[in-house]
């Protein structure tokens, strides 16, 4: 955890993981997403961290932004299951 990319990627990954864990506790009838829907933003975090640590900062920031946008627009973390 030496660069900003390490911190940003881990922060976004934690948000995605917590959303997945929260939804896994919901009844099956209320769940609208599948486990594979979480794969693109997680892979984006991995790739962005690698790119950022390898010196491609602009590409890393763009990929982190794209992963965060996917998380908000597709996975919809603000969705309530009550």
C-alpha atoms as a PDB file:
ATOM      1  CA  UNK A   1       0.000   0.000   0.000  1.00  0.00           C
ATOM      2  CA  UNK A   2       2.519   2.512  -1.228  1.00  0.00           C
ATOM      3  CA  UNK A   3       0.776   4.410  -4.017  1.00  0.00           C
ATOM      4  CA  UNK A   4      -2.512   6.236  -4.408  1.00  0.00           C
ATOM      5  CA  UNK A   5      -3.574   3.549  -6.871  1.00  0.00           C
ATOM      6  CA  UNK A   6      -3.239   0.888  -4.180  1.00  0.00           C
ATOM      7  CA  UNK A   7      -5.518   2.861  -1.888  1.00  0.00           C
ATOM      8  CA  UNK A   8      -8.109   3.789  -4.517  1.00  0.00           C
ATOM      9  CA  UNK A   9      -8.330   0.269  -5.929  1.00  0.00           C
ATOM     10  CA  UNK A  10      -8.681  -1.293  -2.473  1.00  0.00           C
ATOM     11  CA  UNK A  11     -11.280   1.302  -1.449  1.00  0.00           C
ATOM     12  CA  UNK A  12     -13.397   0.625  -4.533  1.00  0.00           C
ATOM     13  CA  UNK A  13     -12.947  -3.133  -4.148  1.00  0.00           C
ATOM     14  CA  UNK A  14     -14.121  -2.935  -0.517  1.00  0.00           C
ATOM     15  CA  UNK A  15     -17.228  -1.025  -1.577  1.00  0.00           C
ATOM     16  CA  UNK A  16     -17.992  -3.651  -4.220  1.00  0.00           C
ATOM     17  CA  UNK A  17     -17.372  -6.522  -1.794  1.00  0.00           C
ATOM     18  CA  UNK A  18     -19.565  -4.965   0.894  1.00  0.00           C
ATOM     19  CA  UNK A  19     -22.374  -4.457  -1.618  1.00  0.00           C
ATOM     20  CA  UNK A  20     -22.079  -8.101  -2.642  1.00  0.00           C
ATOM     21  CA  UNK A  21     -22.097  -9.294   0.965  1.00  0.00           C
ATOM     22  CA  UNK A  22     -25.064  -7.099   1.828  1.00  0.00           C
ATOM     23  CA  UNK A  23     -27.040  -8.407  -1.125  1.00  0.00           C
ATOM     24  CA  UNK A  24     -26.127 -12.013  -0.428  1.00  0.00           C
ATOM     25  CA  UNK A  25     -28.026 -11.707   2.846  1.00  0.00           C
ATOM     26  CA  UNK A  26     -31.198 -10.543   1.092  1.00  0.00           C
ATOM     27  CA  UNK A  27     -33.863 -13.084   0.165  1.00  0.00           C
ATOM     28  CA  UNK A  28     -33.312 -14.644  -3.251  1.00  0.00           C
ATOM     29  CA  UNK A  29     -36.547 -13.162  -4.594  1.00  0.00           C
ATOM     30  CA  UNK A  30     -35.274  -9.608  -3.962  1.00  0.00           C
ATOM     31  CA  UNK A  31     -31.884 -10.054  -5.635  1.00  0.00           C
ATOM     32  CA  UNK A  32     -31.739  -8.794  -9.192  1.00  0.00           C
ATOM     33  CA  UNK A  33     -28.030  -9.148  -9.964  1.00  0.00           C
ATOM     34  CA  UNK A  34     -25.783 -12.116 -10.545  1.00  0.00           C
ATOM     35  CA  UNK A  35     -22.367 -12.836  -9.157  1.00  0.00           C
ATOM     36  CA  UNK A  36     -20.718 -12.317 -12.559  1.00  0.00           C
ATOM     37  CA  UNK A  37     -21.978  -8.720 -12.617  1.00  0.00           C
ATOM     38  CA  UNK A  38     -19.387  -7.927  -9.940  1.00  0.00           C
ATOM     39  CA  UNK A  39     -16.479  -9.199 -12.034  1.00  0.00           C
ATOM     40  CA  UNK A  40     -15.947  -6.223 -14.425  1.00  0.00           C
ATOM     41  CA  UNK A  41     -15.412  -3.571 -11.733  1.00  0.00           C
ATOM     42  CA  UNK A  42     -13.225  -5.899  -9.677  1.00  0.00           C
ATOM     43  CA  UNK A  43     -11.046  -6.656 -12.705  1.00  0.00           C
ATOM     44  CA  UNK A  44     -10.995  -2.914 -13.377  1.00  0.00           C
ATOM     45  CA  UNK A  45      -9.598  -2.329  -9.894  1.00  0.00           C
ATOM     46  CA  UNK A  46      -6.886  -4.929 -10.463  1.00  0.00           C
ATOM     47  CA  UNK A  47      -5.933  -3.557 -13.878  1.00  0.00           C
ATOM     48  CA  UNK A  48      -5.993   0.068 -12.699  1.00  0.00           C
ATOM     49  CA  UNK A  49      -3.744  -0.720  -9.753  1.00  0.00           C
ATOM     50  CA  UNK A  50      -1.322  -2.544 -12.016  1.00  0.00           C
ATOM     51  CA  UNK A  51      -1.317   0.259 -14.592  1.00  0.00           C
ATOM     52  CA  UNK A  52      -0.895   2.930 -11.925  1.00  0.00           C
ATOM     53  CA  UNK A  53       2.005   1.153 -10.291  1.00  0.00           C
ATOM     54  CA  UNK A  54       3.561   0.633 -13.731  1.00  0.00           C
ATOM     55  CA  UNK A  55       3.556   4.353 -14.546  1.00  0.00           C
ATOM     56  CA  UNK A  56       0.421   4.719 -16.671  1.00  0.00           C
ATOM     57  CA  UNK A  57      -1.376   7.102 -14.335  1.00  0.00           C
ATOM     58  CA  UNK A  58      -3.891   8.526 -16.817  1.00  0.00           C
ATOM     59  CA  UNK A  59      -5.022   5.074 -17.929  1.00  0.00           C
ATOM     60  CA  UNK A  60      -5.237   3.942 -14.314  1.00  0.00           C
ATOM     61  CA  UNK A  61      -7.402   6.895 -13.298  1.00  0.00           C
ATOM     62  CA  UNK A  62      -9.630   6.363 -16.337  1.00  0.00           C
ATOM     63  CA  UNK A  63     -10.058   2.691 -15.496  1.00  0.00           C
ATOM     64  CA  UNK A  64     -10.810   3.450 -11.852  1.00  0.00           C
ATOM     65  CA  UNK A  65     -13.388   5.998 -12.958  1.00  0.00           C
ATOM     66  CA  UNK A  66     -14.939   3.487 -15.384  1.00  0.00           C
ATOM     67  CA  UNK A  67     -15.066   0.835 -12.661  1.00  0.00           C
ATOM     68  CA  UNK A  68     -16.688   3.243 -10.223  1.00  0.00           C
ATOM     69  CA  UNK A  69     -19.202   4.323 -12.870  1.00  0.00           C
ATOM     70  CA  UNK A  70     -20.079   0.685 -13.592  1.00  0.00           C
ATOM     71  CA  UNK A  71     -20.495   0.089  -9.865  1.00  0.00           C
ATOM     72  CA  UNK A  72     -22.888   3.013  -9.472  1.00  0.00           C
ATOM     73  CA  UNK A  73     -24.838   2.636 -12.720  1.00  0.00           C
ATOM     74  CA  UNK A  74     -25.085  -1.157 -13.067  1.00  0.00           C
ATOM     75  CA  UNK A  75     -24.835  -2.561  -9.546  1.00  0.00           C
ATOM     76  CA  UNK A  76     -26.743   0.383  -8.006  1.00  0.00           C
ATOM     77  CA  UNK A  77     -25.384   0.286  -4.429  1.00  0.00           C
ATOM     78  CA  UNK A  78     -28.032   2.757  -3.250  1.00  0.00           C
ATOM     79  CA  UNK A  79     -30.782   0.226  -4.012  1.00  0.00           C
ATOM     80  CA  UNK A  80     -32.684  -0.743  -0.868  1.00  0.00           C
ATOM     81  CA  UNK A  81     -33.803  -4.343  -0.263  1.00  0.00           C
ATOM     82  CA  UNK A  82     -36.225  -3.788   2.594  1.00  0.00           C
END
